[in-house]
PDB file of N, CA and C in Angstrom:
ATOM      1  N   MET A   1       0.849  -1.158  -0.009  1.00  0.00           N
ATOM      2  CA  MET A   1       0.001  -0.003   0.000  1.00  0.00           C
ATOM      3  C   MET A   1       0.902   1.236  -0.005  1.00  0.00           C
ATOM      4  N   THR A   2       0.647   2.148  -0.924  1.00  0.00           N
ATOM      5  CA  THR A   2       1.436   3.360  -1.052  1.00  0.00           C
ATOM      6  C   THR A   2       0.951   4.421  -0.086  1.00  0.00           C
ATOM      7  N   ARG A   3       1.869   5.007   0.651  1.00  0.00           N
ATOM      8  CA  ARG A   3       1.526   6.083   1.582  1.00  0.00           C
ATOM      9  C   ARG A   3       1.836   7.415   0.912  1.00  0.00           C
ATOM     10  N   VAL A   4       0.854   8.319   0.952  1.00  0.00           N
ATOM     11  CA  VAL A   4       1.003   9.650   0.336  1.00  0.00           C
ATOM     12  C   VAL A   4       0.891  10.689   1.437  1.00  0.00           C
ATOM     13  N   LEU A   5       1.858  11.592   1.489  1.00  0.00           N
ATOM     14  CA  LEU A   5       1.869  12.660   2.466  1.00  0.00           C
ATOM     15  C   LEU A   5       1.822  14.018   1.764  1.00  0.00           C
ATOM     16  N   LEU A   6       1.047  14.934   2.328  1.00  0.00           N
ATOM     17  CA  LEU A   6       0.988  16.301   1.819  1.00  0.00           C
ATOM     18  C   LEU A   6       1.384  17.249   2.964  1.00  0.00           C
ATOM     19  N   PHE A   7       2.149  18.279   2.629  1.00  0.00           N
ATOM     20  CA  PHE A   7       2.614  19.217   3.641  1.00  0.00           C
ATOM     21  C   PHE A   7       2.172  20.638   3.294  1.00  0.00           C
ATOM     22  N   GLY A   8       2.073  21.453   4.342  1.00  0.00           N
ATOM     23  CA  GLY A   8       1.799  22.879   4.192  1.00  0.00           C
ATOM     24  C   GLY A   8       0.507  23.163   3.459  1.00  0.00           C
ATOM     25  N   PRO A   9       0.543  24.117   2.512  1.00  0.00           N
ATOM     26  CA  PRO A   9      -0.672  24.505   1.800  1.00  0.00           C
ATOM     27  C   PRO A   9      -1.260  23.367   0.965  1.00  0.00           C
ATOM     28  N   LEU A  10      -0.449  22.419   0.559  1.00  0.00           N
ATOM     29  CA  LEU A  10      -0.974  21.272  -0.200  1.00  0.00           C
ATOM     30  C   LEU A  10      -1.950  20.479   0.667  1.00  0.00           C
ATOM     31  N   ARG A  11      -1.604  20.308   1.921  1.00  0.00           N
ATOM     32  CA  ARG A  11      -2.478  19.634   2.877  1.00  0.00           C
ATOM     33  C   ARG A  11      -3.784  20.399   3.020  1.00  0.00           C
ATOM     34  N   ASP A  12      -3.684  21.713   3.099  1.00  0.00           N
ATOM     35  CA  ASP A  12      -4.881  22.544   3.266  1.00  0.00           C
ATOM     36  C   ASP A  12      -5.816  22.442   2.053  1.00  0.00           C
ATOM     37  N   VAL A  13      -5.245  22.432   0.879  1.00  0.00           N
ATOM     38  CA  VAL A  13      -6.050  22.313  -0.363  1.00  0.00           C
ATOM     39  C   VAL A  13      -6.804  20.979  -0.384  1.00  0.00           C
ATOM     40  N   ALA A  14      -6.102  19.910  -0.046  1.00  0.00           N
ATOM     41  CA  ALA A  14      -6.671  18.563  -0.135  1.00  0.00           C
ATOM     42  C   ALA A  14      -7.621  18.257   1.009  1.00  0.00           C
ATOM     43  N   GLY A  15      -7.337  18.837   2.175  1.00  0.00           N
ATOM     44  CA  GLY A  15      -8.124  18.513   3.356  1.00  0.00           C
ATOM     45  C   GLY A  15      -7.677  17.249   4.061  1.00  0.00           C
ATOM     46  N   TRP A  16      -6.525  16.743   3.694  1.00  0.00           N
ATOM     47  CA  TRP A  16      -5.943  15.585   4.363  1.00  0.00           C
ATOM     48  C   TRP A  16      -4.429  15.695   4.314  1.00  0.00           C
ATOM     49  N   ARG A  17      -3.764  14.987   5.223  1.00  0.00           N
ATOM     50  CA  ARG A  17      -2.303  15.034   5.302  1.00  0.00           C
ATOM     51  C   ARG A  17      -1.679  13.705   4.933  1.00  0.00           C
ATOM     52  N   ASP A  18      -2.317  12.603   5.264  1.00  0.00           N
ATOM     53  CA  ASP A  18      -1.732  11.271   5.138  1.00  0.00           C
ATOM     54  C   ASP A  18      -2.786  10.322   4.600  1.00  0.00           C
ATOM     55  N   ARG A  19      -2.464   9.655   3.511  1.00  0.00           N
ATOM     56  CA  ARG A  19      -3.385   8.711   2.899  1.00  0.00           C
ATOM     57  C   ARG A  19      -2.655   7.476   2.433  1.00  0.00           C
ATOM     58  N   ARG A  20      -3.329   6.375   2.435  1.00  0.00           N
ATOM     59  CA  ARG A  20      -2.777   5.122   1.908  1.00  0.00           C
ATOM     60  C   ARG A  20      -3.629   4.718   0.705  1.00  0.00           C
ATOM     61  N   LEU A  21      -2.950   4.399  -0.391  1.00  0.00           N
ATOM     62  CA  LEU A  21      -3.646   4.077  -1.622  1.00  0.00           C
ATOM     63  C   LEU A  21      -3.556   2.585  -1.914  1.00  0.00           C
ATOM     64  N   GLU A  22      -4.697   2.044  -2.226  1.00  0.00           N
ATOM     65  CA  GLU A  22      -4.775   0.622  -2.592  1.00  0.00           C
ATOM     66  C   GLU A  22      -5.750   0.535  -3.766  1.00  0.00           C
ATOM     67  N   PRO A  23      -5.413  -0.059  -4.868  1.00  0.00           N
ATOM     68  CA  PRO A  23      -4.127  -0.663  -5.166  1.00  0.00           C
ATOM     69  C   PRO A  23      -3.055   0.412  -5.370  1.00  0.00           C
ATOM     70  N   PRO A  24      -1.806   0.060  -5.121  1.00  0.00           N
ATOM     71  CA  PRO A  24      -0.738   1.051  -5.260  1.00  0.00           C
ATOM     72  C   PRO A  24      -0.505   1.405  -6.730  1.00  0.00           C
ATOM     73  N   PRO A  25      -0.252   2.665  -7.004  1.00  0.00           N
ATOM     74  CA  PRO A  25       0.077   3.080  -8.363  1.00  0.00           C
ATOM     75  C   PRO A  25       1.465   2.537  -8.753  1.00  0.00           C
ATOM     76  N   ALA A  26       1.662   2.313 -10.054  1.00  0.00           N
ATOM     77  CA  ALA A  26       2.936   1.776 -10.545  1.00  0.00           C
ATOM     78  C   ALA A  26       4.045   2.817 -10.630  1.00  0.00           C
ATOM     79  N   CYS A  27       3.625   4.074 -10.830  1.00  0.00           N
ATOM     80  CA  CYS A  27       4.633   5.128 -10.996  1.00  0.00           C
ATOM     81  C   CYS A  27       4.079   6.447 -10.501  1.00  0.00           C
ATOM     82  N   LEU A  28       4.946   7.414 -10.381  1.00  0.00           N
ATOM     83  CA  LEU A  28       4.581   8.715  -9.862  1.00  0.00           C
ATOM     84  C   LEU A  28       3.550   9.398 -10.761  1.00  0.00           C
ATOM     85  N   SER A  29       3.680   9.273 -12.076  1.00  0.00           N
ATOM     86  CA  SER A  29       2.697   9.911 -12.965  1.00  0.00           C
ATOM     87  C   SER A  29       1.318   9.306 -12.793  1.00  0.00           C
ATOM     88  N   GLU A  30       1.249   8.010 -12.545  1.00  0.00           N
ATOM     89  CA  GLU A  30      -0.037   7.367 -12.289  1.00  0.00           C
ATOM     90  C   GLU A  30      -0.632   7.855 -10.969  1.00  0.00           C
ATOM     91  N   LEU A  31       0.192   8.065  -9.970  1.00  0.00           N
ATOM     92  CA  LEU A  31      -0.264   8.600  -8.688  1.00  0.00           C
ATOM     93  C   LEU A  31      -0.819  10.004  -8.874  1.00  0.00           C
ATOM     94  N   ARG A  32      -0.091  10.846  -9.610  1.00  0.00           N
ATOM     95  CA  ARG A  32      -0.578  12.207  -9.840  1.00  0.00           C
ATOM     96  C   ARG A  32      -1.909  12.206 -10.596  1.00  0.00           C
ATOM     97  N   LEU A  33      -2.043  11.309 -11.571  1.00  0.00           N
ATOM     98  CA  LEU A  33      -3.277  11.196 -12.327  1.00  0.00           C
ATOM     99  C   LEU A  33      -4.449  10.788 -11.433  1.00  0.00           C
ATOM    100  N   ARG A  34      -4.205   9.836 -10.593  1.00  0.00           N
ATOM    101  CA  ARG A  34      -5.254   9.374  -9.657  1.00  0.00           C
ATOM    102  C   ARG A  34      -5.689  10.492  -8.735  1.00  0.00           C
ATOM    103  N   LEU A  35      -4.720  11.239  -8.187  1.00  0.00           N
ATOM    104  CA  LEU A  35      -5.052  12.356  -7.300  1.00  0.00           C
ATOM    105  C   LEU A  35      -5.811  13.451  -8.063  1.00  0.00           C
ATOM    106  N   ALA A  36      -5.392  13.700  -9.314  1.00  0.00           N
ATOM    107  CA  ALA A  36      -6.029  14.721 -10.124  1.00  0.00           C
ATOM    108  C   ALA A  36      -7.484  14.360 -10.458  1.00  0.00           C
ATOM    109  N   GLN A  37      -7.744  13.073 -10.694  1.00  0.00           N
ATOM    110  CA  GLN A  37      -9.103  12.657 -10.997  1.00  0.00           C
ATOM    111  C   GLN A  37     -10.020  12.814  -9.789  1.00  0.00           C
ATOM    112  N   GLU A  38      -9.451  12.731  -8.596  1.00  0.00           N
ATOM    113  CA  GLU A  38     -10.254  12.872  -7.382  1.00  0.00           C
ATOM    114  C   GLU A  38     -10.449  14.332  -6.977  1.00  0.00           C
ATOM    115  N   ASP A  39      -9.468  15.203  -7.285  1.00  0.00           N
ATOM    116  CA  ASP A  39      -9.508  16.560  -6.748  1.00  0.00           C
ATOM    117  C   ASP A  39      -8.754  17.513  -7.697  1.00  0.00           C
ATOM    118  N   ALA A  40      -9.498  18.275  -8.487  1.00  0.00           N
ATOM    119  CA  ALA A  40      -8.888  19.186  -9.471  1.00  0.00           C
ATOM    120  C   ALA A  40      -8.055  20.281  -8.792  1.00  0.00           C
ATOM    121  N   ALA A  41      -8.530  20.762  -7.644  1.00  0.00           N
ATOM    122  CA  ALA A  41      -7.763  21.809  -6.933  1.00  0.00           C
ATOM    123  C   ALA A  41      -6.421  21.282  -6.460  1.00  0.00           C
ATOM    124  N   LEU A  42      -6.413  20.061  -5.954  1.00  0.00           N
ATOM    125  CA  LEU A  42      -5.141  19.456  -5.540  1.00  0.00           C
ATOM    126  C   LEU A  42      -4.233  19.238  -6.732  1.00  0.00           C
ATOM    127  N   ALA A  43      -4.785  18.799  -7.852  1.00  0.00           N
ATOM    128  CA  ALA A  43      -3.986  18.585  -9.058  1.00  0.00           C
ATOM    129  C   ALA A  43      -3.294  19.895  -9.473  1.00  0.00           C
ATOM    130  N   ALA A  44      -4.043  20.984  -9.442  1.00  0.00           N
ATOM    131  CA  ALA A  44      -3.462  22.270  -9.822  1.00  0.00           C
ATOM    132  C   ALA A  44      -2.359  22.682  -8.826  1.00  0.00           C
ATOM    133  N   ALA A  45      -2.600  22.445  -7.546  1.00  0.00           N
ATOM    134  CA  ALA A  45      -1.600  22.787  -6.525  1.00  0.00           C
ATOM    135  C   ALA A  45      -0.331  21.957  -6.679  1.00  0.00           C
ATOM    136  N   LEU A  46      -0.490  20.670  -6.994  1.00  0.00           N
ATOM    137  CA  LEU A  46       0.690  19.796  -7.147  1.00  0.00           C
ATOM    138  C   LEU A  46       1.504  20.162  -8.382  1.00  0.00           C
ATOM    139  N   ASP A  47       0.846  20.725  -9.395  1.00  0.00           N
ATOM    140  CA  ASP A  47       1.528  21.146 -10.623  1.00  0.00           C
ATOM    141  C   ASP A  47       2.102  22.564 -10.508  1.00  0.00           C
ATOM    142  N   GLY A  48       1.907  23.183  -9.358  1.00  0.00           N
ATOM    143  CA  GLY A  48       2.379  24.556  -9.180  1.00  0.00           C
ATOM    144  C   GLY A  48       3.898  24.637  -9.139  1.00  0.00           C
ATOM    145  N   PRO A  49       4.430  25.844  -9.340  1.00  0.00           N
ATOM    146  CA  PRO A  49       5.882  26.039  -9.338  1.00  0.00           C
ATOM    147  C   PRO A  49       6.476  25.754  -7.964  1.00  0.00           C
ATOM    148  N   GLY A  50       7.595  25.082  -7.955  1.00  0.00           N
ATOM    149  CA  GLY A  50       8.346  24.863  -6.754  1.00  0.00           C
ATOM    150  C   GLY A  50       7.924  23.665  -5.928  1.00  0.00           C
ATOM    151  N   VAL A  51       6.847  22.964  -6.318  1.00  0.00           N
ATOM    152  CA  VAL A  51       6.428  21.774  -5.579  1.00  0.00           C
ATOM    153  C   VAL A  51       7.434  20.656  -5.859  1.00  0.00           C
ATOM    154  N   GLN A  52       7.913  20.031  -4.785  1.00  0.00           N
ATOM    155  CA  GLN A  52       8.880  18.943  -4.920  1.00  0.00           C
ATOM    156  C   GLN A  52       8.261  17.634  -4.442  1.00  0.00           C
ATOM    157  N   VAL A  53       8.844  16.536  -4.900  1.00  0.00           N
ATOM    158  CA  VAL A  53       8.364  15.208  -4.517  1.00  0.00           C
ATOM    159  C   VAL A  53       9.512  14.436  -3.896  1.00  0.00           C
ATOM    160  N   ALA A  54       9.234  13.825  -2.751  1.00  0.00           N
ATOM    161  CA  ALA A  54      10.219  12.945  -2.091  1.00  0.00           C
ATOM    162  C   ALA A  54       9.656  11.527  -2.149  1.00  0.00           C
ATOM    163  N   LEU A  55      10.460  10.609  -2.623  1.00  0.00           N
ATOM    164  CA  LEU A  55      10.111   9.200  -2.682  1.00  0.00           C
ATOM    165  C   LEU A  55      10.996   8.492  -1.664  1.00  0.00           C
ATOM    166  N   ASN A  56      10.368   7.926  -0.650  1.00  0.00           N
ATOM    167  CA  ASN A  56      11.094   7.287   0.456  1.00  0.00           C
ATOM    168  C   ASN A  56      12.170   8.221   1.026  1.00  0.00           C
ATOM    169  N   GLN A  57      11.772   9.479   1.209  1.00  0.00           N
ATOM    170  CA  GLN A  57      12.562  10.539   1.832  1.00  0.00           C
ATOM    171  C   GLN A  57      13.758  11.013   0.988  1.00  0.00           C
ATOM    172  N   ALA A  58      13.727  10.727  -0.317  1.00  0.00           N
ATOM    173  CA  ALA A  58      14.750  11.236  -1.236  1.00  0.00           C
ATOM    174  C   ALA A  58      14.061  12.011  -2.350  1.00  0.00           C
ATOM    175  N   LEU A  59      14.511  13.242  -2.602  1.00  0.00           N
ATOM    176  CA  LEU A  59      13.884  14.053  -3.653  1.00  0.00           C
ATOM    177  C   LEU A  59      14.059  13.408  -5.005  1.00  0.00           C
ATOM    178  N   VAL A  60      13.000  13.456  -5.812  1.00  0.00           N
ATOM    179  CA  VAL A  60      13.043  12.917  -7.170  1.00  0.00           C
ATOM    180  C   VAL A  60      12.507  13.976  -8.132  1.00  0.00           C
ATOM    181  N   ARG A  61      12.938  13.871  -9.368  1.00  0.00           N
ATOM    182  CA  ARG A  61      12.429  14.769 -10.426  1.00  0.00           C
ATOM    183  C   ARG A  61      11.902  13.903 -11.534  1.00  0.00           C
ATOM    184  N   GLY A  62      10.846  14.375 -12.150  1.00  0.00           N
ATOM    185  CA  GLY A  62      10.256  13.628 -13.239  1.00  0.00           C
ATOM    186  C   GLY A  62       9.486  12.434 -12.709  1.00  0.00           C
ATOM    187  N   ASP A  63       9.308  11.443 -13.573  1.00  0.00           N
ATOM    188  CA  ASP A  63       8.548  10.257 -13.214  1.00  0.00           C
ATOM    189  C   ASP A  63       9.469   9.264 -12.520  1.00  0.00           C
ATOM    190  N   ALA A  64       8.900   8.404 -11.718  1.00  0.00           N
ATOM    191  CA  ALA A  64       9.679   7.379 -11.011  1.00  0.00           C
ATOM    192  C   ALA A  64       8.769   6.188 -10.747  1.00  0.00           C
ATOM    193  N   ASP A  65       9.343   4.995 -10.801  1.00  0.00           N
ATOM    194  CA  ASP A  65       8.598   3.804 -10.453  1.00  0.00           C
ATOM    195  C   ASP A  65       8.354   3.765  -8.966  1.00  0.00           C
ATOM    196  N   LEU A  66       7.207   3.241  -8.580  1.00  0.00           N
ATOM    197  CA  LEU A  66       6.846   3.119  -7.162  1.00  0.00           C
ATOM    198  C   LEU A  66       6.735   1.662  -6.789  1.00  0.00           C
ATOM    199  N   THR A  67       7.132   1.367  -5.574  1.00  0.00           N
ATOM    200  CA  THR A  67       6.937   0.015  -5.043  1.00  0.00           C
ATOM    201  C   THR A  67       5.668   0.029  -4.203  1.00  0.00           C
ATOM    202  N   PRO A  68       5.041  -1.107  -3.989  1.00  0.00           N
ATOM    203  CA  PRO A  68       3.779  -1.133  -3.265  1.00  0.00           C
ATOM    204  C   PRO A  68       3.845  -0.524  -1.837  1.00  0.00           C
ATOM    205  N   ASP A  69       5.014  -0.581  -1.225  1.00  0.00           N
ATOM    206  CA  ASP A  69       5.121  -0.123   0.158  1.00  0.00           C
ATOM    207  C   ASP A  69       5.894   1.195   0.299  1.00  0.00           C
ATOM    208  N   CYS A  70       5.933   1.997  -0.767  1.00  0.00           N
ATOM    209  CA  CYS A  70       6.723   3.220  -0.710  1.00  0.00           C
ATOM    210  C   CYS A  70       5.940   4.374  -0.062  1.00  0.00           C
ATOM    211  N   GLU A  71       6.700   5.399   0.213  1.00  0.00           N
ATOM    212  CA  GLU A  71       6.124   6.652   0.763  1.00  0.00           C
ATOM    213  C   GLU A  71       6.443   7.787  -0.203  1.00  0.00           C
ATOM    214  N   VAL A  72       5.394   8.505  -0.589  1.00  0.00           N
ATOM    215  CA  VAL A  72       5.541   9.644  -1.499  1.00  0.00           C
ATOM    216  C   VAL A  72       5.083  10.886  -0.764  1.00  0.00           C
ATOM    217  N   ALA A  73       5.947  11.873  -0.663  1.00  0.00           N
ATOM    218  CA  ALA A  73       5.597  13.112   0.012  1.00  0.00           C
ATOM    219  C   ALA A  73       5.672  14.259  -1.003  1.00  0.00           C
ATOM    220  N   PHE A  74       4.628  15.073  -1.019  1.00  0.00           N
ATOM    221  CA  PHE A  74       4.604  16.260  -1.857  1.00  0.00           C
ATOM    222  C   PHE A  74       4.886  17.462  -0.956  1.00  0.00           C
ATOM    223  N   LEU A  75       5.922  18.203  -1.324  1.00  0.00           N
ATOM    224  CA  LEU A  75       6.442  19.312  -0.507  1.00  0.00           C
ATOM    225  C   LEU A  75       6.144  20.639  -1.187  1.00  0.00           C
ATOM    226  N   PRO A  76       5.611  21.594  -0.452  1.00  0.00           N
ATOM    227  CA  PRO A  76       5.316  22.916  -1.052  1.00  0.00           C
ATOM    228  C   PRO A  76       6.600  23.664  -1.322  1.00  0.00           C
ATOM    229  N   PRO A  77       6.491  24.709  -2.131  1.00  0.00           N
ATOM    230  CA  PRO A  77       7.676  25.537  -2.368  1.00  0.00           C
ATOM    231  C   PRO A  77       8.247  26.054  -1.071  1.00  0.00           C
ATOM    232  N   MET A  78       9.558  26.101  -1.015  1.00  0.00           N
ATOM    233  CA  MET A  78      10.206  26.569   0.216  1.00  0.00           C
ATOM    234  C   MET A  78      11.052  27.784  -0.121  1.00  0.00           C
ATOM    235  N   SER A  79      11.175  28.665   0.835  1.00  0.00           N
ATOM    236  CA  SER A  79      12.059  29.813   0.668  1.00  0.00           C
ATOM    237  C   SER A  79      13.012  29.845   1.855  1.00  0.00           C
ATOM    238  N   GLY A  80      14.131  30.392   1.616  1.00  0.00           N
ATOM    239  CA  GLY A  80      15.133  30.458   2.670  1.00  0.00           C
ATOM    240  C   GLY A  80      15.633  31.874   2.856  1.00  0.00           C
ATOM    241  N   GLY A  81      16.447  32.042   3.835  1.00  0.00           N
ATOM    242  CA  GLY A  81      16.948  33.373   4.080  1.00  0.00           C
ATOM    243  C   GLY A  81      18.401  33.363   4.342  1.00  0.00           C
TER     244      GLY A  81
END
């Protein structure tokens, strides 16, 4: 079962922070599509500038294969000083 985490404003848009998906998606693009089909506002937020994705606590870019027991975290844009 794939665990999906949302942080910051992404959590606020979706109305949830932690979800488990069954059946697990095969890849990150499939996960994004599934989330987009359920919630258009979340889809738009996830496609926003600066949103990053961590797969098993490591940042990834582009598409990536997912294992059934992985953790995917969507991170909002961050600023530093």
